[in-house]
């Protein structure tokens, strides 16, 4: 597996641990619908958090959250609509980003709630 893929997988595992420690129930990881993949679907109380995880080894080219583009957002919205319908959920939906930066041997985790769209 390429090094950046391993870093991405490690970032998703760190994000899941972070969310669980902060009271979220993890419902799905890497849930796909058509061309969209949702990294983490988590729930805390009546809020369904759709979490995009972005992990970077350095920020020379921008912060991790800067890499969530409008096309990705569009795909996520379509996917979460399908997920909510399939599971007959009555929840508020929030889109979050967990931005992870590798700094030597440590990881800096930033949870950006309601990061790009709310409906």
N, C-alpha and C. Protein backbone atom coordinates (compact mmCIF):
# COMPACT_ATOMS: atom_id res chain seq x y z
N UNK A 1 0.85 -1.18 0.00
CA UNK A 1 0.00 0.00 0.00
C UNK A 1 0.89 1.24 0.00
N UNK A 2 0.53 2.23 -0.78
CA UNK A 2 1.32 3.45 -0.86
C UNK A 2 1.33 4.16 0.49
N UNK A 3 2.41 4.88 0.75
CA UNK A 3 2.57 5.54 2.05
C UNK A 3 1.42 6.50 2.35
N UNK A 4 0.96 7.25 1.32
CA UNK A 4 -0.14 8.20 1.58
C UNK A 4 -1.44 7.47 1.89
N UNK A 5 -1.64 6.26 1.32
CA UNK A 5 -2.83 5.47 1.65
C UNK A 5 -2.77 4.98 3.09
N UNK A 6 -1.58 4.56 3.52
CA UNK A 6 -1.41 4.11 4.90
C UNK A 6 -1.66 5.26 5.86
N UNK A 7 -1.18 6.46 5.52
CA UNK A 7 -1.39 7.63 6.36
C UNK A 7 -2.89 7.95 6.43
N UNK A 8 -3.57 7.85 5.31
CA UNK A 8 -5.01 8.11 5.28
C UNK A 8 -5.78 7.12 6.14
N UNK A 9 -5.41 5.85 6.06
CA UNK A 9 -6.06 4.80 6.87
C UNK A 9 -5.79 5.04 8.35
N UNK A 10 -4.57 5.39 8.67
CA UNK A 10 -4.21 5.68 10.06
C UNK A 10 -5.01 6.89 10.55
N UNK A 11 -5.15 7.91 9.70
CA UNK A 11 -5.92 9.10 10.06
C UNK A 11 -7.37 8.77 10.35
N UNK A 12 -7.96 7.89 9.53
CA UNK A 12 -9.36 7.50 9.76
C UNK A 12 -9.51 6.75 11.08
N UNK A 13 -8.55 5.90 11.40
CA UNK A 13 -8.59 5.18 12.68
C UNK A 13 -8.46 6.15 13.85
N UNK A 14 -7.58 7.14 13.73
CA UNK A 14 -7.44 8.16 14.77
C UNK A 14 -8.73 8.97 14.92
N UNK A 15 -9.36 9.28 13.80
CA UNK A 15 -10.61 10.05 13.83
C UNK A 15 -11.71 9.27 14.54
N UNK A 16 -11.83 7.97 14.25
CA UNK A 16 -12.83 7.13 14.91
C UNK A 16 -12.58 7.10 16.42
N UNK A 17 -11.33 6.89 16.83
CA UNK A 17 -10.99 6.89 18.26
C UNK A 17 -11.35 8.23 18.90
N UNK A 18 -11.00 9.32 18.22
CA UNK A 18 -11.28 10.66 18.72
C UNK A 18 -12.78 10.86 18.92
N UNK A 19 -13.57 10.48 17.92
CA UNK A 19 -15.02 10.65 18.01
C UNK A 19 -15.60 9.81 19.15
N UNK A 20 -15.17 8.57 19.26
CA UNK A 20 -15.67 7.71 20.34
C UNK A 20 -15.34 8.28 21.71
N UNK A 21 -14.15 8.81 21.87
CA UNK A 21 -13.74 9.41 23.15
C UNK A 21 -14.56 10.66 23.46
N UNK A 22 -15.15 11.26 22.42
CA UNK A 22 -15.95 12.47 22.61
C UNK A 22 -17.45 12.19 22.56
N UNK A 23 -17.83 10.95 22.81
CA UNK A 23 -19.23 10.61 23.00
C UNK A 23 -20.02 10.26 21.75
N UNK A 24 -19.37 10.05 20.63
CA UNK A 24 -20.06 9.68 19.40
C UNK A 24 -20.15 8.17 19.27
N UNK A 25 -21.26 7.71 18.72
CA UNK A 25 -21.40 6.31 18.36
C UNK A 25 -21.05 6.20 16.88
N UNK A 26 -20.16 5.32 16.53
CA UNK A 26 -19.77 5.15 15.12
C UNK A 26 -20.76 4.20 14.47
N UNK A 27 -21.48 4.68 13.45
CA UNK A 27 -22.47 3.87 12.76
C UNK A 27 -21.87 3.17 11.55
N UNK A 28 -21.00 3.86 10.84
CA UNK A 28 -20.39 3.32 9.62
C UNK A 28 -19.02 3.95 9.42
N UNK A 29 -18.15 3.20 8.76
CA UNK A 29 -16.90 3.77 8.24
C UNK A 29 -16.81 3.36 6.78
N UNK A 30 -16.31 4.25 5.97
CA UNK A 30 -16.12 4.02 4.54
C UNK A 30 -17.41 3.54 3.86
N UNK A 31 -18.51 4.22 4.16
CA UNK A 31 -19.80 3.88 3.57
C UNK A 31 -19.88 4.48 2.17
N UNK A 32 -20.25 3.67 1.19
CA UNK A 32 -20.27 4.16 -0.19
C UNK A 32 -21.67 4.11 -0.78
N UNK A 33 -21.91 5.08 -1.64
CA UNK A 33 -23.12 5.14 -2.45
C UNK A 33 -22.72 5.77 -3.78
N UNK A 34 -22.92 5.02 -4.84
CA UNK A 34 -22.50 5.44 -6.18
C UNK A 34 -21.02 5.84 -6.13
N UNK A 35 -20.71 7.07 -6.50
CA UNK A 35 -19.29 7.49 -6.53
C UNK A 35 -18.82 8.13 -5.23
N UNK A 36 -19.71 8.21 -4.25
CA UNK A 36 -19.37 8.89 -2.99
C UNK A 36 -18.96 7.90 -1.92
N UNK A 37 -17.99 8.29 -1.15
CA UNK A 37 -17.62 7.53 0.04
C UNK A 37 -17.62 8.47 1.23
N UNK A 38 -18.34 8.05 2.27
CA UNK A 38 -18.35 8.81 3.52
C UNK A 38 -17.37 8.12 4.44
N UNK A 39 -16.37 8.89 4.91
CA UNK A 39 -15.33 8.30 5.76
C UNK A 39 -15.92 7.74 7.05
N UNK A 40 -16.69 8.58 7.76
CA UNK A 40 -17.26 8.15 9.04
C UNK A 40 -18.67 8.72 9.16
N UNK A 41 -19.59 7.86 9.55
CA UNK A 41 -20.94 8.30 9.92
C UNK A 41 -21.06 8.02 11.41
N UNK A 42 -21.27 9.08 12.17
CA UNK A 42 -21.33 8.95 13.63
C UNK A 42 -22.57 9.67 14.15
N UNK A 43 -23.01 9.26 15.32
CA UNK A 43 -24.18 9.91 15.91
C UNK A 43 -23.90 10.25 17.35
N UNK A 44 -24.34 11.45 17.72
CA UNK A 44 -24.27 11.90 19.11
C UNK A 44 -25.60 12.56 19.39
N UNK A 45 -26.35 11.96 20.28
CA UNK A 45 -27.71 12.40 20.58
C UNK A 45 -28.53 12.37 19.30
N UNK A 46 -29.15 13.48 18.93
CA UNK A 46 -30.02 13.50 17.74
C UNK A 46 -29.31 14.06 16.51
N UNK A 47 -27.99 14.08 16.53
CA UNK A 47 -27.23 14.63 15.42
C UNK A 47 -26.45 13.52 14.72
N UNK A 48 -26.65 13.44 13.42
CA UNK A 48 -25.88 12.52 12.58
C UNK A 48 -24.72 13.32 12.00
N UNK A 49 -23.52 12.95 12.37
CA UNK A 49 -22.33 13.65 11.89
C UNK A 49 -21.73 12.88 10.72
N UNK A 50 -21.67 13.54 9.59
CA UNK A 50 -21.04 13.00 8.39
C UNK A 50 -19.62 13.57 8.40
N UNK A 51 -18.65 12.70 8.57
CA UNK A 51 -17.29 13.17 8.84
C UNK A 51 -16.35 12.82 7.68
N UNK A 52 -15.78 13.86 7.12
CA UNK A 52 -14.73 13.71 6.12
C UNK A 52 -13.40 13.83 6.86
N UNK A 53 -12.54 12.84 6.71
CA UNK A 53 -11.25 12.84 7.39
C UNK A 53 -10.16 13.21 6.38
N UNK A 54 -9.38 14.21 6.72
CA UNK A 54 -8.27 14.63 5.87
C UNK A 54 -7.00 14.60 6.69
N UNK A 55 -6.05 13.81 6.23
CA UNK A 55 -4.78 13.64 6.95
C UNK A 55 -3.64 14.08 6.05
N UNK A 56 -2.74 14.85 6.59
CA UNK A 56 -1.59 15.33 5.82
C UNK A 56 -0.33 15.18 6.65
N UNK A 57 0.76 14.87 5.95
CA UNK A 57 2.05 14.75 6.63
C UNK A 57 2.73 16.11 6.76
N UNK A 58 2.31 17.05 5.92
CA UNK A 58 2.79 18.43 6.09
C UNK A 58 1.74 19.36 5.49
N UNK A 59 1.87 20.62 5.81
CA UNK A 59 0.86 21.58 5.33
C UNK A 59 1.46 22.56 4.32
N UNK A 60 2.51 22.14 3.63
CA UNK A 60 3.14 23.00 2.64
C UNK A 60 2.17 23.44 1.54
N UNK A 61 1.21 22.58 1.23
CA UNK A 61 0.28 22.88 0.14
C UNK A 61 -1.10 23.28 0.64
N UNK A 62 -1.23 23.49 1.95
CA UNK A 62 -2.50 23.91 2.51
C UNK A 62 -2.92 23.02 3.67
N UNK A 63 -3.89 23.49 4.42
CA UNK A 63 -4.42 22.74 5.55
C UNK A 63 -5.24 21.56 5.05
N UNK A 64 -5.33 20.49 5.82
CA UNK A 64 -6.09 19.32 5.37
C UNK A 64 -7.51 19.66 4.93
N UNK A 65 -8.18 20.54 5.68
CA UNK A 65 -9.57 20.87 5.36
C UNK A 65 -9.71 21.64 4.04
N UNK A 66 -8.62 22.20 3.55
CA UNK A 66 -8.67 22.92 2.28
C UNK A 66 -8.86 21.98 1.08
N UNK A 67 -8.76 20.68 1.33
CA UNK A 67 -8.83 19.72 0.24
C UNK A 67 -10.22 19.10 0.07
N UNK A 68 -11.22 19.65 0.75
CA UNK A 68 -12.61 19.21 0.55
C UNK A 68 -13.21 20.18 -0.47
N UNK A 69 -13.36 19.70 -1.69
CA UNK A 69 -13.79 20.53 -2.82
C UNK A 69 -15.31 20.44 -3.02
N UNK A 70 -15.90 21.43 -3.71
CA UNK A 70 -17.35 21.43 -3.95
C UNK A 70 -17.89 20.14 -4.55
N UNK A 71 -17.16 19.51 -5.47
CA UNK A 71 -17.62 18.26 -6.08
C UNK A 71 -17.76 17.17 -5.00
N UNK A 72 -16.80 17.10 -4.09
CA UNK A 72 -16.84 16.13 -2.99
C UNK A 72 -18.04 16.41 -2.09
N UNK A 73 -18.28 17.67 -1.80
CA UNK A 73 -19.42 18.05 -0.95
C UNK A 73 -20.73 17.60 -1.61
N UNK A 74 -20.84 17.83 -2.90
CA UNK A 74 -22.03 17.43 -3.66
C UNK A 74 -22.25 15.91 -3.56
N UNK A 75 -21.20 15.14 -3.71
CA UNK A 75 -21.30 13.68 -3.61
C UNK A 75 -21.69 13.25 -2.19
N UNK A 76 -21.13 13.91 -1.19
CA UNK A 76 -21.46 13.57 0.19
C UNK A 76 -22.93 13.85 0.50
N UNK A 77 -23.45 14.96 0.01
CA UNK A 77 -24.86 15.30 0.24
C UNK A 77 -25.76 14.23 -0.37
N UNK A 78 -25.45 13.82 -1.58
CA UNK A 78 -26.24 12.78 -2.25
C UNK A 78 -26.17 11.47 -1.46
N UNK A 79 -24.99 11.11 -1.01
CA UNK A 79 -24.81 9.86 -0.26
C UNK A 79 -25.53 9.90 1.08
N UNK A 80 -25.44 11.00 1.79
CA UNK A 80 -26.09 11.05 3.11
C UNK A 80 -27.60 11.05 2.97
N UNK A 81 -28.13 11.66 1.92
CA UNK A 81 -29.57 11.59 1.68
C UNK A 81 -30.00 10.14 1.53
N UNK A 82 -29.22 9.37 0.78
CA UNK A 82 -29.51 7.95 0.59
C UNK A 82 -29.41 7.19 1.91
N UNK A 83 -28.37 7.47 2.69
CA UNK A 83 -28.18 6.78 3.96
C UNK A 83 -29.35 7.04 4.91
N UNK A 84 -29.76 8.29 5.03
CA UNK A 84 -30.86 8.65 5.92
C UNK A 84 -32.15 7.97 5.46
N UNK A 85 -32.39 7.96 4.15
CA UNK A 85 -33.59 7.31 3.60
C UNK A 85 -33.56 5.81 3.84
N UNK A 86 -32.45 5.16 3.50
CA UNK A 86 -32.32 3.71 3.68
C UNK A 86 -32.54 3.27 5.12
N UNK A 87 -32.07 4.10 6.05
CA UNK A 87 -32.13 3.73 7.47
C UNK A 87 -33.30 4.37 8.20
N UNK A 88 -34.15 5.09 7.46
CA UNK A 88 -35.35 5.71 8.01
C UNK A 88 -35.03 6.50 9.28
N UNK A 89 -34.05 7.38 9.18
CA UNK A 89 -33.60 8.15 10.34
C UNK A 89 -34.33 9.49 10.44
N UNK A 90 -34.58 9.89 11.67
CA UNK A 90 -35.16 11.21 11.93
C UNK A 90 -34.16 11.96 12.81
N UNK A 91 -33.16 12.53 12.15
CA UNK A 91 -32.07 13.20 12.86
C UNK A 91 -31.69 14.47 12.12
N UNK A 92 -30.99 15.34 12.83
CA UNK A 92 -30.36 16.48 12.17
C UNK A 92 -29.06 15.98 11.58
N UNK A 93 -28.70 16.51 10.43
CA UNK A 93 -27.46 16.09 9.78
C UNK A 93 -26.47 17.24 9.82
N UNK A 94 -25.25 16.91 10.18
CA UNK A 94 -24.19 17.92 10.23
C UNK A 94 -22.98 17.36 9.51
N UNK A 95 -22.32 18.20 8.73
CA UNK A 95 -21.12 17.80 8.00
C UNK A 95 -19.89 18.34 8.73
N UNK A 96 -19.03 17.42 9.12
CA UNK A 96 -17.82 17.78 9.86
C UNK A 96 -16.59 17.38 9.06
N UNK A 97 -15.50 18.01 9.40
CA UNK A 97 -14.19 17.60 8.90
C UNK A 97 -13.31 17.33 10.11
N UNK A 98 -12.62 16.23 10.08
CA UNK A 98 -11.56 16.01 11.06
C UNK A 98 -10.26 16.15 10.28
N UNK A 99 -9.53 17.20 10.61
CA UNK A 99 -8.26 17.50 9.96
C UNK A 99 -7.13 17.00 10.86
N UNK A 100 -6.29 16.17 10.28
CA UNK A 100 -5.20 15.58 11.05
C UNK A 100 -3.88 15.92 10.37
N UNK A 101 -2.97 16.47 11.17
CA UNK A 101 -1.64 16.80 10.66
C UNK A 101 -0.62 15.96 11.41
N UNK A 102 0.22 15.28 10.65
CA UNK A 102 1.30 14.52 11.27
C UNK A 102 2.45 15.48 11.52
N UNK A 103 2.92 15.48 12.75
CA UNK A 103 4.02 16.36 13.14
C UNK A 103 5.06 15.49 13.85
N UNK A 104 6.02 15.01 13.09
CA UNK A 104 7.00 14.06 13.65
C UNK A 104 6.29 12.76 13.95
N UNK A 105 6.33 12.36 15.21
CA UNK A 105 5.65 11.13 15.62
C UNK A 105 4.28 11.38 16.24
N UNK A 106 3.85 12.64 16.28
CA UNK A 106 2.53 12.90 16.85
C UNK A 106 1.57 13.39 15.79
N UNK A 107 0.30 13.31 16.15
CA UNK A 107 -0.75 13.75 15.26
C UNK A 107 -1.56 14.84 15.95
N UNK A 108 -1.81 15.90 15.22
CA UNK A 108 -2.63 17.00 15.72
C UNK A 108 -4.00 16.84 15.08
N UNK A 109 -5.03 16.70 15.93
CA UNK A 109 -6.38 16.45 15.44
C UNK A 109 -7.25 17.68 15.70
N UNK A 110 -7.89 18.14 14.65
CA UNK A 110 -8.81 19.28 14.77
C UNK A 110 -10.17 18.85 14.23
N UNK A 111 -11.20 18.99 15.07
CA UNK A 111 -12.56 18.61 14.68
C UNK A 111 -13.32 19.89 14.33
N UNK A 112 -13.65 20.02 13.05
CA UNK A 112 -14.38 21.19 12.57
C UNK A 112 -15.84 20.79 12.39
N UNK A 113 -16.67 21.17 13.36
CA UNK A 113 -18.09 20.84 13.28
C UNK A 113 -18.79 21.78 12.32
N UNK A 114 -19.78 21.26 11.63
CA UNK A 114 -20.58 22.06 10.70
C UNK A 114 -19.65 22.76 9.70
N UNK A 115 -18.74 22.00 9.14
CA UNK A 115 -17.63 22.56 8.37
C UNK A 115 -18.00 23.17 7.04
N UNK A 116 -18.99 22.60 6.35
CA UNK A 116 -19.24 23.18 5.03
C UNK A 116 -20.68 23.21 4.57
N UNK A 117 -21.58 22.54 5.24
CA UNK A 117 -22.96 22.57 4.80
C UNK A 117 -23.85 22.05 5.90
N UNK A 118 -24.97 22.67 6.05
CA UNK A 118 -25.91 22.23 7.08
C UNK A 118 -27.31 22.25 6.49
N UNK A 119 -28.03 21.15 6.68
CA UNK A 119 -29.42 21.15 6.22
C UNK A 119 -30.28 20.32 7.14
